[in-house]
């Protein structure tokens, strides 16, 4: 399954979750439900994936945690904040760069309409 096909499935699930539960829950609640639904659909999920980075031959363990990595292809970063800030986009872009993955979705559930809270971040395409 391609990155775009995965992202489409995630977006559909986010619409469903937002319609069912609305804004205002903790990020961790949305994450648990999203992970459950993705696993039901047969996706390989890494939740709170601890990622090492290498600097000049030195491994820095657990340098960051990605909220969700799907099929080793797409990173999902979830938020439940008043509004997405530039640092959120930069964070996800850095995660993509360090994992050499191409696509990430930055999803903020704390919005009136979920379409306003879903942003694609692309690296090296």
PDB file of N, CA and C in Angstrom:
ATOM      1  N   UNK A   1       0.847  -1.180   0.000  1.00  0.00           N
ATOM      2  CA  UNK A   1       0.000   0.000   0.000  1.00  0.00           C
ATOM      3  C   UNK A   1       0.890   1.241   0.000  1.00  0.00           C
ATOM      4  N   UNK A   2       0.586   2.204  -0.830  1.00  0.00           N
ATOM      5  CA  UNK A   2       1.407   3.406  -0.955  1.00  0.00           C
ATOM      6  C   UNK A   2       1.165   4.371   0.216  1.00  0.00           C
ATOM      7  N   UNK A   3       2.054   5.338   0.327  1.00  0.00           N
ATOM      8  CA  UNK A   3       1.917   6.368   1.353  1.00  0.00           C
ATOM      9  C   UNK A   3       0.588   7.108   1.202  1.00  0.00           C
ATOM     10  N   UNK A   4       0.231   7.430  -0.037  1.00  0.00           N
ATOM     11  CA  UNK A   4      -1.021   8.161  -0.263  1.00  0.00           C
ATOM     12  C   UNK A   4      -2.248   7.332   0.104  1.00  0.00           C
ATOM     13  N   UNK A   5      -2.206   6.042  -0.185  1.00  0.00           N
ATOM     14  CA  UNK A   5      -3.332   5.168   0.177  1.00  0.00           C
ATOM     15  C   UNK A   5      -3.453   5.058   1.700  1.00  0.00           C
ATOM     16  N   UNK A   6      -2.315   4.951   2.374  1.00  0.00           N
ATOM     17  CA  UNK A   6      -2.328   4.902   3.841  1.00  0.00           C
ATOM     18  C   UNK A   6      -2.904   6.194   4.398  1.00  0.00           C
ATOM     19  N   UNK A   7      -2.430   7.325   3.882  1.00  0.00           N
ATOM     20  CA  UNK A   7      -2.900   8.619   4.408  1.00  0.00           C
ATOM     21  C   UNK A   7      -4.398   8.793   4.191  1.00  0.00           C
ATOM     22  N   UNK A   8      -4.897   8.311   3.076  1.00  0.00           N
ATOM     23  CA  UNK A   8      -6.333   8.399   2.811  1.00  0.00           C
ATOM     24  C   UNK A   8      -7.124   7.630   3.864  1.00  0.00           C
ATOM     25  N   UNK A   9      -6.652   6.426   4.202  1.00  0.00           N
ATOM     26  CA  UNK A   9      -7.318   5.618   5.244  1.00  0.00           C
ATOM     27  C   UNK A   9      -7.289   6.344   6.591  1.00  0.00           C
ATOM     28  N   UNK A  10      -6.168   6.965   6.908  1.00  0.00           N
ATOM     29  CA  UNK A  10      -6.041   7.691   8.176  1.00  0.00           C
ATOM     30  C   UNK A  10      -7.012   8.867   8.211  1.00  0.00           C
ATOM     31  N   UNK A  11      -7.080   9.602   7.127  1.00  0.00           N
ATOM     32  CA  UNK A  11      -7.976  10.761   7.069  1.00  0.00           C
ATOM     33  C   UNK A  11      -9.433  10.330   7.265  1.00  0.00           C
ATOM     34  N   UNK A  12      -9.833   9.254   6.616  1.00  0.00           N
ATOM     35  CA  UNK A  12     -11.204   8.745   6.780  1.00  0.00           C
ATOM     36  C   UNK A  12     -11.468   8.399   8.247  1.00  0.00           C
ATOM     37  N   UNK A  13     -10.519   7.739   8.887  1.00  0.00           N
ATOM     38  CA  UNK A  13     -10.684   7.388  10.298  1.00  0.00           C
ATOM     39  C   UNK A  13     -10.743   8.630  11.184  1.00  0.00           C
ATOM     40  N   UNK A  14      -9.946   9.640  10.864  1.00  0.00           N
ATOM     41  CA  UNK A  14      -9.955  10.875  11.653  1.00  0.00           C
ATOM     42  C   UNK A  14     -11.305  11.582  11.546  1.00  0.00           C
ATOM     43  N   UNK A  15     -11.881  11.590  10.355  1.00  0.00           N
ATOM     44  CA  UNK A  15     -13.214  12.171  10.186  1.00  0.00           C
ATOM     45  C   UNK A  15     -14.221  11.412  11.062  1.00  0.00           C
ATOM     46  N   UNK A  16     -14.133  10.097  11.028  1.00  0.00           N
ATOM     47  CA  UNK A  16     -15.033   9.260  11.826  1.00  0.00           C
ATOM     48  C   UNK A  16     -14.871   9.551  13.326  1.00  0.00           C
ATOM     49  N   UNK A  17     -13.628   9.582  13.801  1.00  0.00           N
ATOM     50  CA  UNK A  17     -13.377   9.814  15.228  1.00  0.00           C
ATOM     51  C   UNK A  17     -13.828  11.205  15.654  1.00  0.00           C
ATOM     52  N   UNK A  18     -13.553  12.181  14.817  1.00  0.00           N
ATOM     53  CA  UNK A  18     -13.926  13.557  15.165  1.00  0.00           C
ATOM     54  C   UNK A  18     -15.444  13.721  15.182  1.00  0.00           C
ATOM     55  N   UNK A  19     -16.114  13.066  14.237  1.00  0.00           N
ATOM     56  CA  UNK A  19     -17.570  13.125  14.215  1.00  0.00           C
ATOM     57  C   UNK A  19     -18.152  12.451  15.452  1.00  0.00           C
ATOM     58  N   UNK A  20     -17.564  11.338  15.854  1.00  0.00           N
ATOM     59  CA  UNK A  20     -18.087  10.571  16.984  1.00  0.00           C
ATOM     60  C   UNK A  20     -17.789  11.230  18.330  1.00  0.00           C
ATOM     61  N   UNK A  21     -16.548  11.752  18.507  1.00  0.00           N
ATOM     62  CA  UNK A  21     -16.124  12.252  19.816  1.00  0.00           C
ATOM     63  C   UNK A  21     -15.935  13.762  19.877  1.00  0.00           C
ATOM     64  N   UNK A  22     -15.763  14.408  18.719  1.00  0.00           N
ATOM     65  CA  UNK A  22     -15.583  15.845  18.706  1.00  0.00           C
ATOM     66  C   UNK A  22     -14.226  16.270  19.243  1.00  0.00           C
ATOM     67  N   UNK A  23     -14.024  17.596  19.360  1.00  0.00           N
ATOM     68  CA  UNK A  23     -12.768  18.111  19.904  1.00  0.00           C
ATOM     69  C   UNK A  23     -12.790  18.067  21.433  1.00  0.00           C
ATOM     70  N   UNK A  24     -11.614  18.288  22.031  1.00  0.00           N
ATOM     71  CA  UNK A  24     -11.570  18.478  23.472  1.00  0.00           C
ATOM     72  C   UNK A  24     -10.994  17.344  24.297  1.00  0.00           C
ATOM     73  N   UNK A  25     -10.775  16.183  23.686  1.00  0.00           N
ATOM     74  CA  UNK A  25     -10.171  15.085  24.441  1.00  0.00           C
ATOM     75  C   UNK A  25      -8.652  15.220  24.433  1.00  0.00           C
ATOM     76  N   UNK A  26      -8.002  14.489  25.325  1.00  0.00           N
ATOM     77  CA  UNK A  26      -6.547  14.464  25.325  1.00  0.00           C
ATOM     78  C   UNK A  26      -6.036  13.781  24.062  1.00  0.00           C
ATOM     79  N   UNK A  27      -4.875  14.208  23.619  1.00  0.00           N
ATOM     80  CA  UNK A  27      -4.217  13.602  22.448  1.00  0.00           C
ATOM     81  C   UNK A  27      -4.100  12.097  22.610  1.00  0.00           C
ATOM     82  N   UNK A  28      -3.774  11.644  23.816  1.00  0.00           N
ATOM     83  CA  UNK A  28      -3.569  10.216  24.068  1.00  0.00           C
ATOM     84  C   UNK A  28      -4.837   9.391  23.820  1.00  0.00           C
ATOM     85  N   UNK A  29      -5.999   9.975  24.056  1.00  0.00           N
ATOM     86  CA  UNK A  29      -7.256   9.262  23.821  1.00  0.00           C
ATOM     87  C   UNK A  29      -7.462   9.058  22.326  1.00  0.00           C
ATOM     88  N   UNK A  30      -7.276  10.125  21.555  1.00  0.00           N
ATOM     89  CA  UNK A  30      -7.405   9.998  20.101  1.00  0.00           C
ATOM     90  C   UNK A  30      -6.395   8.984  19.566  1.00  0.00           C
ATOM     91  N   UNK A  31      -5.177   9.013  20.123  1.00  0.00           N
ATOM     92  CA  UNK A  31      -4.144   8.087  19.655  1.00  0.00           C
ATOM     93  C   UNK A  31      -4.536   6.647  19.915  1.00  0.00           C
ATOM     94  N   UNK A  32      -5.004   6.348  21.110  1.00  0.00           N
ATOM     95  CA  UNK A  32      -5.384   4.970  21.433  1.00  0.00           C
ATOM     96  C   UNK A  32      -6.491   4.457  20.515  1.00  0.00           C
ATOM     97  N   UNK A  33      -7.475   5.304  20.258  1.00  0.00           N
ATOM     98  CA  UNK A  33      -8.588   4.886  19.407  1.00  0.00           C
ATOM     99  C   UNK A  33      -8.125   4.743  17.956  1.00  0.00           C
ATOM    100  N   UNK A  34      -7.329   5.687  17.474  1.00  0.00           N
ATOM    101  CA  UNK A  34      -6.831   5.625  16.097  1.00  0.00           C
ATOM    102  C   UNK A  34      -5.972   4.382  15.886  1.00  0.00           C
ATOM    103  N   UNK A  35      -5.091   4.091  16.834  1.00  0.00           N
ATOM    104  CA  UNK A  35      -4.247   2.893  16.738  1.00  0.00           C
ATOM    105  C   UNK A  35      -5.119   1.632  16.710  1.00  0.00           C
ATOM    106  N   UNK A  36      -6.106   1.576  17.563  1.00  0.00           N
ATOM    107  CA  UNK A  36      -7.020   0.430  17.586  1.00  0.00           C
ATOM    108  C   UNK A  36      -7.685   0.242  16.217  1.00  0.00           C
ATOM    109  N   UNK A  37      -8.211   1.320  15.659  1.00  0.00           N
ATOM    110  CA  UNK A  37      -8.908   1.243  14.372  1.00  0.00           C
ATOM    111  C   UNK A  37      -7.951   0.870  13.235  1.00  0.00           C
ATOM    112  N   UNK A  38      -6.742   1.402  13.253  1.00  0.00           N
ATOM    113  CA  UNK A  38      -5.762   1.067  12.213  1.00  0.00           C
ATOM    114  C   UNK A  38      -5.356  -0.406  12.296  1.00  0.00           C
ATOM    115  N   UNK A  39      -5.176  -0.907  13.484  1.00  0.00           N
ATOM    116  CA  UNK A  39      -4.834  -2.333  13.642  1.00  0.00           C
ATOM    117  C   UNK A  39      -5.972  -3.220  13.181  1.00  0.00           C
ATOM    118  N   UNK A  40      -7.207  -2.801  13.438  1.00  0.00           N
ATOM    119  CA  UNK A  40      -8.372  -3.558  12.960  1.00  0.00           C
ATOM    120  C   UNK A  40      -8.344  -3.676  11.445  1.00  0.00           C
ATOM    121  N   UNK A  41      -7.817  -2.656  10.777  1.00  0.00           N
ATOM    122  CA  UNK A  41      -7.746  -2.660   9.319  1.00  0.00           C
ATOM    123  C   UNK A  41      -6.507  -3.395   8.798  1.00  0.00           C
ATOM    124  N   UNK A  42      -5.698  -3.934   9.719  1.00  0.00           N
ATOM    125  CA  UNK A  42      -4.566  -4.753   9.303  1.00  0.00           C
ATOM    126  C   UNK A  42      -3.252  -4.013   9.105  1.00  0.00           C
ATOM    127  N   UNK A  43      -3.178  -2.760   9.513  1.00  0.00           N
ATOM    128  CA  UNK A  43      -1.927  -2.014   9.384  1.00  0.00           C
ATOM    129  C   UNK A  43      -0.928  -2.432  10.455  1.00  0.00           C
ATOM    130  N   UNK A  44       0.348  -2.403  10.083  1.00  0.00           N
ATOM    131  CA  UNK A  44       1.425  -2.602  11.065  1.00  0.00           C
ATOM    132  C   UNK A  44       1.674  -1.245  11.724  1.00  0.00           C
ATOM    133  N   UNK A  45       1.535  -1.192  13.048  1.00  0.00           N
ATOM    134  CA  UNK A  45       1.608   0.063  13.785  1.00  0.00           C
ATOM    135  C   UNK A  45       2.755   0.033  14.784  1.00  0.00           C
ATOM    136  N   UNK A  46       3.528   1.103  14.774  1.00  0.00           N
ATOM    137  CA  UNK A  46       4.492   1.359  15.846  1.00  0.00           C
ATOM    138  C   UNK A  46       3.949   2.575  16.595  1.00  0.00           C
ATOM    139  N   UNK A  47       3.632   2.372  17.862  1.00  0.00           N
ATOM    140  CA  UNK A  47       3.047   3.441  18.672  1.00  0.00           C
ATOM    141  C   UNK A  47       4.105   3.987  19.619  1.00  0.00           C
ATOM    142  N   UNK A  48       4.186   5.317  19.720  1.00  0.00           N
ATOM    143  CA  UNK A  48       5.226   5.966  20.512  1.00  0.00           C
ATOM    144  C   UNK A  48       6.586   5.351  20.165  1.00  0.00           C
ATOM    145  N   UNK A  49       6.851   5.293  18.877  1.00  0.00           N
ATOM    146  CA  UNK A  49       8.063   4.656  18.350  1.00  0.00           C
ATOM    147  C   UNK A  49       9.297   5.467  18.737  1.00  0.00           C
ATOM    148  N   UNK A  50      10.174   4.826  19.501  1.00  0.00           N
ATOM    149  CA  UNK A  50      11.419   5.473  19.918  1.00  0.00           C
ATOM    150  C   UNK A  50      12.441   5.323  18.801  1.00  0.00           C
ATOM    151  N   UNK A  51      12.948   6.454  18.341  1.00  0.00           N
ATOM    152  CA  UNK A  51      13.844   6.471  17.193  1.00  0.00           C
ATOM    153  C   UNK A  51      15.231   6.927  17.629  1.00  0.00           C
ATOM    154  N   UNK A  52      16.228   6.130  17.256  1.00  0.00           N
ATOM    155  CA  UNK A  52      17.620   6.502  17.498  1.00  0.00           C
ATOM    156  C   UNK A  52      18.110   7.344  16.335  1.00  0.00           C
ATOM    157  N   UNK A  53      19.077   8.202  16.591  1.00  0.00           N
ATOM    158  CA  UNK A  53      19.732   8.900  15.494  1.00  0.00           C
ATOM    159  C   UNK A  53      21.232   8.693  15.614  1.00  0.00           C
ATOM    160  N   UNK A  54      21.900   8.833  14.487  1.00  0.00           N
ATOM    161  CA  UNK A  54      23.348   8.664  14.428  1.00  0.00           C
ATOM    162  C   UNK A  54      23.984  10.013  14.136  1.00  0.00           C
ATOM    163  N   UNK A  55      25.000  10.330  14.933  1.00  0.00           N
ATOM    164  CA  UNK A  55      25.750  11.571  14.719  1.00  0.00           C
ATOM    165  C   UNK A  55      27.236  11.241  14.743  1.00  0.00           C
ATOM    166  N   UNK A  56      27.870  11.386  13.592  1.00  0.00           N
ATOM    167  CA  UNK A  56      29.312  11.149  13.456  1.00  0.00           C
ATOM    168  C   UNK A  56      29.732   9.814  14.071  1.00  0.00           C
ATOM    169  N   UNK A  57      28.953   8.780  13.757  1.00  0.00           N
ATOM    170  CA  UNK A  57      29.285   7.444  14.216  1.00  0.00           C
ATOM    171  C   UNK A  57      28.794   7.101  15.608  1.00  0.00           C
ATOM    172  N   UNK A  58      28.195   8.033  16.279  1.00  0.00           N
ATOM    173  CA  UNK A  58      27.670   7.802  17.629  1.00  0.00           C
ATOM    174  C   UNK A  58      26.161   7.657  17.533  1.00  0.00           C
ATOM    175  N   UNK A  59      25.640   6.609  18.158  1.00  0.00           N
ATOM    176  CA  UNK A  59      24.195   6.399  18.189  1.00  0.00           C
ATOM    177  C   UNK A  59      23.626   7.098  19.415  1.00  0.00           C
ATOM    178  N   UNK A  60      22.647   7.942  19.172  1.00  0.00           N
ATOM    179  CA  UNK A  60      21.939   8.606  20.264  1.00  0.00           C
ATOM    180  C   UNK A  60      20.598   7.887  20.402  1.00  0.00           C
ATOM    181  N   UNK A  61      20.487   7.049  21.445  1.00  0.00           N
ATOM    182  CA  UNK A  61      19.276   6.234  21.573  1.00  0.00           C
ATOM    183  C   UNK A  61      18.064   7.068  21.978  1.00  0.00           C
ATOM    184  N   UNK A  62      16.933   6.649  21.466  1.00  0.00           N
ATOM    185  CA  UNK A  62      15.651   7.258  21.841  1.00  0.00           C
ATOM    186  C   UNK A  62      15.692   8.781  21.709  1.00  0.00           C
ATOM    187  N   UNK A  63      16.194   9.252  20.578  1.00  0.00           N
ATOM    188  CA  UNK A  63      16.335  10.692  20.357  1.00  0.00           C
ATOM    189  C   UNK A  63      14.973  11.383  20.256  1.00  0.00           C
ATOM    190  N   UNK A  64      13.991  10.663  19.767  1.00  0.00           N
ATOM    191  CA  UNK A  64      12.637  11.203  19.723  1.00  0.00           C
ATOM    192  C   UNK A  64      11.638  10.066  19.649  1.00  0.00           C
ATOM    193  N   UNK A  65      10.379  10.410  19.907  1.00  0.00           N
ATOM    194  CA  UNK A  65       9.285   9.442  19.813  1.00  0.00           C
ATOM    195  C   UNK A  65       8.270   9.952  18.795  1.00  0.00           C
ATOM    196  N   UNK A  66       8.009   9.132  17.806  1.00  0.00           N
ATOM    197  CA  UNK A  66       6.946   9.434  16.851  1.00  0.00           C
ATOM    198  C   UNK A  66       5.646   8.849  17.410  1.00  0.00           C
ATOM    199  N   UNK A  67       4.573   9.617  17.337  1.00  0.00           N
ATOM    200  CA  UNK A  67       3.297   9.129  17.888  1.00  0.00           C
ATOM    201  C   UNK A  67       2.907   7.799  17.261  1.00  0.00           C
ATOM    202  N   UNK A  68       2.855   7.760  15.931  1.00  0.00           N
ATOM    203  CA  UNK A  68       2.455   6.544  15.219  1.00  0.00           C
ATOM    204  C   UNK A  68       3.254   6.460  13.922  1.00  0.00           C
ATOM    205  N   UNK A  69       3.789   5.284  13.643  1.00  0.00           N
ATOM    206  CA  UNK A  69       4.363   4.999  12.328  1.00  0.00           C
ATOM    207  C   UNK A  69       3.561   3.842  11.749  1.00  0.00           C
ATOM    208  N   UNK A  70       3.059   4.041  10.529  1.00  0.00           N
ATOM    209  CA  UNK A  70       2.195   3.045   9.883  1.00  0.00           C
ATOM    210  C   UNK A  70       2.959   2.370   8.749  1.00  0.00           C
ATOM    211  N   UNK A  71       3.026   1.035   8.816  1.00  0.00           N
ATOM    212  CA  UNK A  71       3.655   0.214   7.766  1.00  0.00           C
ATOM    213  C   UNK A  71       5.062   0.690   7.401  1.00  0.00           C
ATOM    214  N   UNK A  72       5.759   1.278   8.357  1.00  0.00           N
ATOM    215  CA  UNK A  72       7.110   1.816   8.119  1.00  0.00           C
ATOM    216  C   UNK A  72       7.138   2.779   6.937  1.00  0.00           C
ATOM    217  N   UNK A  73       6.022   3.495   6.711  1.00  0.00           N
ATOM    218  CA  UNK A  73       5.924   4.403   5.563  1.00  0.00           C
ATOM    219  C   UNK A  73       5.431   5.800   5.911  1.00  0.00           C
ATOM    220  N   UNK A  74       4.532   5.916   6.879  1.00  0.00           N
ATOM    221  CA  UNK A  74       3.892   7.194   7.172  1.00  0.00           C
ATOM    222  C   UNK A  74       3.977   7.471   8.678  1.00  0.00           C
ATOM    223  N   UNK A  75       4.379   8.697   9.012  1.00  0.00           N
ATOM    224  CA  UNK A  75       4.402   9.117  10.414  1.00  0.00           C
ATOM    225  C   UNK A  75       3.163   9.965  10.682  1.00  0.00           C
ATOM    226  N   UNK A  76       2.512   9.669  11.798  1.00  0.00           N
ATOM    227  CA  UNK A  76       1.360  10.445  12.241  1.00  0.00           C
ATOM    228  C   UNK A  76       1.743  11.142  13.538  1.00  0.00           C
ATOM    229  N   UNK A  77       1.603  12.450  13.556  1.00  0.00           N
ATOM    230  CA  UNK A  77       1.800  13.221  14.777  1.00  0.00           C
ATOM    231  C   UNK A  77       0.459  13.817  15.150  1.00  0.00           C
ATOM    232  N   UNK A  78      -0.001  13.488  16.339  1.00  0.00           N
ATOM    233  CA  UNK A  78      -1.305  13.934  16.803  1.00  0.00           C
ATOM    234  C   UNK A  78      -1.163  15.094  17.778  1.00  0.00           C
ATOM    235  N   UNK A  79      -2.100  15.999  17.690  1.00  0.00           N
ATOM    236  CA  UNK A  79      -2.159  17.139  18.597  1.00  0.00           C
ATOM    237  C   UNK A  79      -3.604  17.351  19.015  1.00  0.00           C
ATOM    238  N   UNK A  80      -3.755  17.982  20.165  1.00  0.00           N
ATOM    239  CA  UNK A  80      -5.056  18.464  20.611  1.00  0.00           C
ATOM    240  C   UNK A  80      -4.800  19.836  21.223  1.00  0.00           C
ATOM    241  N   UNK A  81      -4.561  20.795  20.340  1.00  0.00           N
ATOM    242  CA  UNK A  81      -4.138  22.133  20.741  1.00  0.00           C
ATOM    243  C   UNK A  81      -5.049  23.186  20.113  1.00  0.00           C
ATOM    244  N   UNK A  82      -4.964  24.411  20.633  1.00  0.00           N
ATOM    245  CA  UNK A  82      -5.796  25.496  20.110  1.00  0.00           C
ATOM    246  C   UNK A  82      -5.551  25.713  18.621  1.00  0.00           C
ATOM    247  N   UNK A  83      -4.279  25.700  18.227  1.00  0.00           N
ATOM    248  CA  UNK A  83      -3.939  25.808  16.808  1.00  0.00           C
ATOM    249  C   UNK A  83      -2.557  25.228  16.574  1.00  0.00           C
ATOM    250  N   UNK A  84      -2.364  24.725  15.370  1.00  0.00           N
ATOM    251  CA  UNK A  84      -1.058  24.208  14.996  1.00  0.00           C
ATOM    252  C   UNK A  84      -0.096  25.378  14.823  1.00  0.00           C
ATOM    253  N   UNK A  85       1.122  25.181  15.306  1.00  0.00           N
ATOM    254  CA  UNK A  85       2.165  26.201  15.203  1.00  0.00           C
ATOM    255  C   UNK A  85       3.228  25.726  14.217  1.00  0.00           C
ATOM    256  N   UNK A  86       4.041  26.641  13.755  1.00  0.00           N
ATOM    257  CA  UNK A  86       5.115  26.319  12.816  1.00  0.00           C
ATOM    258  C   UNK A  86       6.039  25.238  13.377  1.00  0.00           C
ATOM    259  N   UNK A  87       6.287  25.248  14.675  1.00  0.00           N
ATOM    260  CA  UNK A  87       7.176  24.257  15.286  1.00  0.00           C
ATOM    261  C   UNK A  87       6.636  22.842  15.136  1.00  0.00           C
ATOM    262  N   UNK A  88       5.311  22.675  15.116  1.00  0.00           N
ATOM    263  CA  UNK A  88       4.718  21.345  14.927  1.00  0.00           C
ATOM    264  C   UNK A  88       5.067  20.790  13.545  1.00  0.00           C
ATOM    265  N   UNK A  89       5.007  21.655  12.529  1.00  0.00           N
ATOM    266  CA  UNK A  89       5.364  21.241  11.170  1.00  0.00           C
ATOM    267  C   UNK A  89       6.856  20.915  11.080  1.00  0.00           C
ATOM    268  N   UNK A  90       7.676  21.751  11.691  1.00  0.00           N
ATOM    269  CA  UNK A  90       9.127  21.527  11.666  1.00  0.00           C
ATOM    270  C   UNK A  90       9.497  20.239  12.393  1.00  0.00           C
ATOM    271  N   UNK A  91       8.824  19.966  13.497  1.00  0.00           N
ATOM    272  CA  UNK A  91       9.062  18.733  14.245  1.00  0.00           C
ATOM    273  C   UNK A  91       8.796  17.511  13.372  1.00  0.00           C
ATOM    274  N   UNK A  92       7.651  17.482  12.723  1.00  0.00           N
ATOM    275  CA  UNK A  92       7.306  16.345  11.874  1.00  0.00           C
ATOM    276  C   UNK A  92       8.258  16.248  10.688  1.00  0.00           C
ATOM    277  N   UNK A  93       8.618  17.371  10.100  1.00  0.00           N
ATOM    278  CA  UNK A  93       9.563  17.359   8.977  1.00  0.00           C
ATOM    279  C   UNK A  93      10.904  16.760   9.422  1.00  0.00           C
ATOM    280  N   UNK A  94      11.365  17.129  10.603  1.00  0.00           N
ATOM    281  CA  UNK A  94      12.612  16.574  11.130  1.00  0.00           C
ATOM    282  C   UNK A  94      12.485  15.073  11.350  1.00  0.00           C
ATOM    283  N   UNK A  95      11.360  14.617  11.877  1.00  0.00           N
ATOM    284  CA  UNK A  95      11.134  13.185  12.069  1.00  0.00           C
ATOM    285  C   UNK A  95      11.209  12.442  10.735  1.00  0.00           C
ATOM    286  N   UNK A  96      10.586  13.021   9.718  1.00  0.00           N
ATOM    287  CA  UNK A  96      10.628  12.396   8.390  1.00  0.00           C
ATOM    288  C   UNK A  96      12.060  12.341   7.875  1.00  0.00           C
ATOM    289  N   UNK A  97      12.772  13.422   8.010  1.00  0.00           N
ATOM    290  CA  UNK A  97      14.160  13.492   7.545  1.00  0.00           C
ATOM    291  C   UNK A  97      15.029  12.448   8.248  1.00  0.00           C
ATOM    292  N   UNK A  98      14.889  12.328   9.559  1.00  0.00           N
ATOM    293  CA  UNK A  98      15.736  11.412  10.326  1.00  0.00           C
ATOM    294  C   UNK A  98      15.373   9.948  10.122  1.00  0.00           C
ATOM    295  N   UNK A  99      14.147   9.678   9.716  1.00  0.00           N
ATOM    296  CA  UNK A  99      13.732   8.291   9.447  1.00  0.00           C
ATOM    297  C   UNK A  99      13.787   7.966   7.964  1.00  0.00           C
ATOM    298  N   UNK A 100      14.025   8.987   7.143  1.00  0.00           N
ATOM    299  CA  UNK A 100      14.045   8.853   5.687  1.00  0.00           C
ATOM    300  C   UNK A 100      12.693   8.383   5.137  1.00  0.00           C
ATOM    301  N   UNK A 101      11.629   8.768   5.831  1.00  0.00           N
ATOM    302  CA  UNK A 101      10.282   8.512   5.328  1.00  0.00           C
ATOM    303  C   UNK A 101       9.819   9.741   4.565  1.00  0.00           C
ATOM    304  N   UNK A 102       8.849   9.555   3.684  1.00  0.00           N
ATOM    305  CA  UNK A 102       8.454  10.629   2.773  1.00  0.00           C
ATOM    306  C   UNK A 102       7.227  11.413   3.206  1.00  0.00           C
ATOM    307  N   UNK A 103       6.324  10.769   3.938  1.00  0.00           N
ATOM    308  CA  UNK A 103       5.047  11.418   4.217  1.00  0.00           C
ATOM    309  C   UNK A 103       4.684  11.346   5.690  1.00  0.00           C
ATOM    310  N   UNK A 104       4.196  12.475   6.182  1.00  0.00           N
ATOM    311  CA  UNK A 104       3.677  12.538   7.535  1.00  0.00           C
ATOM    312  C   UNK A 104       2.359  13.283   7.539  1.00  0.00           C
ATOM    313  N   UNK A 105       1.530  12.952   8.514  1.00  0.00           N
ATOM    314  CA  UNK A 105       0.282  13.686   8.717  1.00  0.00           C
ATOM    315  C   UNK A 105       0.316  14.303  10.104  1.00  0.00           C
ATOM    316  N   UNK A 106       0.082  15.595  10.142  1.00  0.00           N
ATOM    317  CA  UNK A 106      -0.025  16.333  11.396  1.00  0.00           C
ATOM    318  C   UNK A 106      -1.517  16.551  11.616  1.00  0.00           C
ATOM    319  N   UNK A 107      -2.031  15.982  12.698  1.00  0.00           N
ATOM    320  CA  UNK A 107      -3.478  15.979  12.905  1.00  0.00           C
ATOM    321  C   UNK A 107      -3.809  16.613  14.246  1.00  0.00           C
ATOM    322  N   UNK A 108      -4.557  17.703  14.190  1.00  0.00           N
ATOM    323  CA  UNK A 108      -5.027  18.389  15.389  1.00  0.00           C
ATOM    324  C   UNK A 108      -6.520  18.138  15.537  1.00  0.00           C
ATOM    325  N   UNK A 109      -6.885  17.420  16.593  1.00  0.00           N
ATOM    326  CA  UNK A 109      -8.291  17.087  16.810  1.00  0.00           C
ATOM    327  C   UNK A 109      -9.067  18.211  17.494  1.00  0.00           C
ATOM    328  N   UNK A 110      -8.372  19.216  17.999  1.00  0.00           N
ATOM    329  CA  UNK A 110      -9.040  20.278  18.743  1.00  0.00           C
ATOM    330  C   UNK A 110      -9.491  21.415  17.817  1.00  0.00           C
ATOM    331  N   UNK A 111     -10.289  21.049  16.820  1.00  0.00           N
ATOM    332  CA  UNK A 111     -10.811  21.999  15.839  1.00  0.00           C
ATOM    333  C   UNK A 111     -12.299  21.735  15.642  1.00  0.00           C
ATOM    334  N   UNK A 112     -12.994  22.770  15.159  1.00  0.00           N
ATOM    335  CA  UNK A 112     -14.426  22.610  14.908  1.00  0.00           C
ATOM    336  C   UNK A 112     -14.681  21.620  13.785  1.00  0.00           C
ATOM    337  N   UNK A 113     -13.946  21.776  12.671  1.00  0.00           N
ATOM    338  CA  UNK A 113     -14.043  20.861  11.531  1.00  0.00           C
ATOM    339  C   UNK A 113     -12.696  20.164  11.356  1.00  0.00           C
ATOM    340  N   UNK A 114     -12.688  18.855  11.314  1.00  0.00           N
ATOM    341  CA  UNK A 114     -11.440  18.102  11.266  1.00  0.00           C
ATOM    342  C   UNK A 114     -10.616  18.411  10.012  1.00  0.00           C
ATOM    343  N   UNK A 115     -11.284  18.782   8.928  1.00  0.00           N
ATOM    344  CA  UNK A 115     -10.515  19.107   7.716  1.00  0.00           C
ATOM    345  C   UNK A 115      -9.567  20.279   7.962  1.00  0.00           C
ATOM    346  N   UNK A 116      -9.885  21.133   8.934  1.00  0.00           N
ATOM    347  CA  UNK A 116      -9.008  22.245   9.295  1.00  0.00           C
ATOM    348  C   UNK A 116      -7.810  21.782  10.124  1.00  0.00           C
ATOM    349  N   UNK A 117      -7.876  20.577  10.656  1.00  0.00           N
ATOM    350  CA  UNK A 117      -6.832  20.095  11.553  1.00  0.00           C
ATOM    351  C   UNK A 117      -5.889  19.067  10.948  1.00  0.00           C
ATOM    352  N   UNK A 118      -6.079  18.716   9.678  1.00  0.00           N
ATOM    353  CA  UNK A 118      -5.239  17.695   9.045  1.00  0.00           C
ATOM    354  C   UNK A 118      -4.321  18.350   8.026  1.00  0.00           C
ATOM    355  N   UNK A 119      -3.005  18.154   8.219  1.00  0.00           N
ATOM    356  CA  UNK A 119      -2.018  18.724   7.302  1.00  0.00           C
ATOM    357  C   UNK A 119      -1.011  17.659   6.894  1.00  0.00           C
ATOM    358  N   UNK A 120      -0.697  17.631   5.618  1.00  0.00           N
ATOM    359  CA  UNK A 120       0.327  16.719   5.086  1.00  0.00           C
ATOM    360  C   UNK A 120       1.677  17.412   5.160  1.00  0.00           C
ATOM    361  N   UNK A 121       2.683  16.652   5.543  1.00  0.00           N
ATOM    362  CA  UNK A 121       4.057  17.143   5.529  1.00  0.00           C
ATOM    363  C   UNK A 121       4.853  16.154   4.690  1.00  0.00           C
ATOM    364  N   UNK A 122       5.575  16.669   3.704  1.00  0.00           N
ATOM    365  CA  UNK A 122       6.286  15.820   2.747  1.00  0.00           C
ATOM    366  C   UNK A 122       7.778  16.095   2.845  1.00  0.00           C
ATOM    367  N   UNK A 123       8.571  15.022   2.791  1.00  0.00           N
ATOM    368  CA  UNK A 123      10.019  15.132   2.794  1.00  0.00           C
ATOM    369  C   UNK A 123      10.602  14.400   1.589  1.00  0.00           C
ATOM    370  N   UNK A 124      11.448  15.071   0.828  1.00  0.00           N
ATOM    371  CA  UNK A 124      12.292  14.434  -0.193  1.00  0.00           C
ATOM    372  C   UNK A 124      11.517  13.744  -1.312  1.00  0.00           C
ATOM    373  N   UNK A 125      10.439  14.346  -1.750  1.00  0.00           N
ATOM    374  CA  UNK A 125       9.709  13.751  -2.887  1.00  0.00           C
ATOM    375  C   UNK A 125       9.963  14.594  -4.113  1.00  0.00           C
TER     376      UNK A 125
END
